[in-house]
Structure formats: structure tokens, C-alpha cells
Amino acid sequence: MRYVEARIDKYQREEAYRIYTTRSLQLMPQSKWIEMTYLDALKPHEKEKSGDEILLDTMINAGLRFEE
């Protein structure tokens, strides 16, 4: 089963490379480019959290809470 998973992963990486390269070549004559790098396309970063989300996560992890 690991062989099949490895082949699927390899196929997806190759497909992403082909799409990235093709799109880059299409944009080149227009003096445009793709904002993200190929590595970002393979492993996208998590979206940034807002200040409220960070505060809430910190409070939950620290066991803090507001009482009224």
C-alpha cells in the first residue's frame, strides 16, 4: 500500500510542477509572474491568525478564563 501512496504523491508533485511551469511560461510574455514559489505550492503555509484567535488559543492552552 505504501508503494501506491508513494506513486500517488510523486504523480501529484509532478502534476503541480507541470502546472506551475506552464502557468509561469504563459505569464512571462505579459511581464507577469506567479506570486508564490513552487515550494509554497507543494506545502502551503497556514493562514495567519487574527489577534483575537491568538488570544483565545493562548487562554485555552493556559487554562485561563474570564468570570463575570
C-alpha atoms as a PDB file:
ATOM      1  CA  MET A   1       0.000   0.000   0.000  1.00  0.00           C
ATOM      2  CA  ARG A   2       2.903   2.350   0.722  1.00  0.00           C
ATOM      3  CA  TYR A   3       4.087   1.904  -2.838  1.00  0.00           C
ATOM      4  CA  VAL A   4       0.738   3.100  -4.167  1.00  0.00           C
ATOM      5  CA  GLU A   5       0.753   6.089  -1.790  1.00  0.00           C
ATOM      6  CA  ALA A   6       4.297   6.975  -2.861  1.00  0.00           C
ATOM      7  CA  ARG A   7       3.333   6.776  -6.539  1.00  0.00           C
ATOM      8  CA  ILE A   8       0.278   8.977  -5.975  1.00  0.00           C
ATOM      9  CA  ASP A   9       2.402  11.525  -4.090  1.00  0.00           C
ATOM     10  CA  LYS A  10       5.004  11.519  -6.865  1.00  0.00           C
ATOM     11  CA  TYR A  11       2.309  11.961  -9.509  1.00  0.00           C
ATOM     12  CA  GLN A  12       0.753  14.892  -7.632  1.00  0.00           C
ATOM     13  CA  ARG A  13       4.139  16.608  -7.220  1.00  0.00           C
ATOM     14  CA  GLU A  14       4.918  16.158 -10.923  1.00  0.00           C
ATOM     15  CA  GLU A  15       1.481  17.452 -11.893  1.00  0.00           C
ATOM     16  CA  ALA A  16       1.917  20.514  -9.659  1.00  0.00           C
ATOM     17  CA  TYR A  17       5.323  21.175 -11.260  1.00  0.00           C
ATOM     18  CA  ARG A  18       3.874  20.926 -14.754  1.00  0.00           C
ATOM     19  CA  ILE A  19       1.030  23.290 -13.932  1.00  0.00           C
ATOM     20  CA  TYR A  20       3.353  25.770 -12.190  1.00  0.00           C
ATOM     21  CA  THR A  21       5.834  25.749 -15.081  1.00  0.00           C
ATOM     22  CA  THR A  22       3.138  26.046 -17.742  1.00  0.00           C
ATOM     23  CA  ARG A  23       1.447  28.946 -15.968  1.00  0.00           C
ATOM     24  CA  SER A  24       4.801  30.708 -15.480  1.00  0.00           C
ATOM     25  CA  LEU A  25       5.587  30.386 -19.173  1.00  0.00           C
ATOM     26  CA  GLN A  26       2.137  31.705 -20.096  1.00  0.00           C
ATOM     27  CA  LEU A  27       2.595  34.789 -17.912  1.00  0.00           C
ATOM     28  CA  MET A  28       6.183  35.545 -18.979  1.00  0.00           C
ATOM     29  CA  PRO A  29       5.353  37.384 -22.270  1.00  0.00           C
ATOM     30  CA  GLN A  30       2.958  39.623 -20.333  1.00  0.00           C
ATOM     31  CA  SER A  31       5.717  40.580 -17.850  1.00  0.00           C
ATOM     32  CA  LYS A  32       3.711  38.958 -15.047  1.00  0.00           C
ATOM     33  CA  TRP A  33       4.622  36.231 -12.615  1.00  0.00           C
ATOM     34  CA  ILE A  34       3.178  33.850 -10.051  1.00  0.00           C
ATOM     35  CA  GLU A  35       3.289  35.267  -6.525  1.00  0.00           C
ATOM     36  CA  MET A  36       4.038  32.001  -4.727  1.00  0.00           C
ATOM     37  CA  THR A  37       7.076  29.801  -5.198  1.00  0.00           C
ATOM     38  CA  TYR A  38       6.883  26.196  -6.313  1.00  0.00           C
ATOM     39  CA  LEU A  39       7.688  25.034  -2.779  1.00  0.00           C
ATOM     40  CA  ASP A  40       4.807  27.120  -1.431  1.00  0.00           C
ATOM     41  CA  ALA A  41       2.548  25.386  -3.921  1.00  0.00           C
ATOM     42  CA  LEU A  42       3.655  21.984  -2.622  1.00  0.00           C
ATOM     43  CA  LYS A  43       3.388  22.864   1.065  1.00  0.00           C
ATOM     44  CA  PRO A  44       1.189  25.909   1.569  1.00  0.00           C
ATOM     45  CA  HIS A  45       1.614  27.877   4.776  1.00  0.00           C
ATOM     46  CA  GLU A  46      -1.159  28.049   7.283  1.00  0.00           C
ATOM     47  CA  LYS A  47      -3.177  31.217   7.077  1.00  0.00           C
ATOM     48  CA  GLU A  48      -2.251  33.796   9.659  1.00  0.00           C
ATOM     49  CA  LYS A  49      -4.459  34.066  12.700  1.00  0.00           C
ATOM     50  CA  SER A  50      -6.023  37.287  13.895  1.00  0.00           C
ATOM     51  CA  GLY A  51      -5.112  38.771  17.256  1.00  0.00           C
ATOM     52  CA  ASP A  52      -8.374  37.564  18.774  1.00  0.00           C
ATOM     53  CA  GLU A  53      -7.747  33.994  17.616  1.00  0.00           C
ATOM     54  CA  ILE A  54      -4.220  34.037  19.074  1.00  0.00           C
ATOM     55  CA  LEU A  55      -5.531  35.392  22.382  1.00  0.00           C
ATOM     56  CA  LEU A  56      -8.271  32.764  22.540  1.00  0.00           C
ATOM     57  CA  ASP A  57      -5.840  29.918  21.744  1.00  0.00           C
ATOM     58  CA  THR A  58      -3.411  31.169  24.399  1.00  0.00           C
ATOM     59  CA  MET A  59      -6.140  31.409  27.024  1.00  0.00           C
ATOM     60  CA  ILE A  60      -7.457  27.932  26.255  1.00  0.00           C
ATOM     61  CA  ASN A  61      -3.974  26.354  26.284  1.00  0.00           C
ATOM     62  CA  ALA A  62      -3.056  28.113  29.540  1.00  0.00           C
ATOM     63  CA  GLY A  63      -6.356  27.205  31.167  1.00  0.00           C
ATOM     64  CA  LEU A  64      -7.344  30.850  31.661  1.00  0.00           C
ATOM     65  CA  ARG A  65     -10.898  32.138  31.549  1.00  0.00           C
ATOM     66  CA  PHE A  66     -12.859  35.253  32.341  1.00  0.00           C
ATOM     67  CA  GLU A  67     -15.501  35.085  35.019  1.00  0.00           C
ATOM     68  CA  GLU A  68     -18.319  37.536  35.451  1.00  0.00           C
END
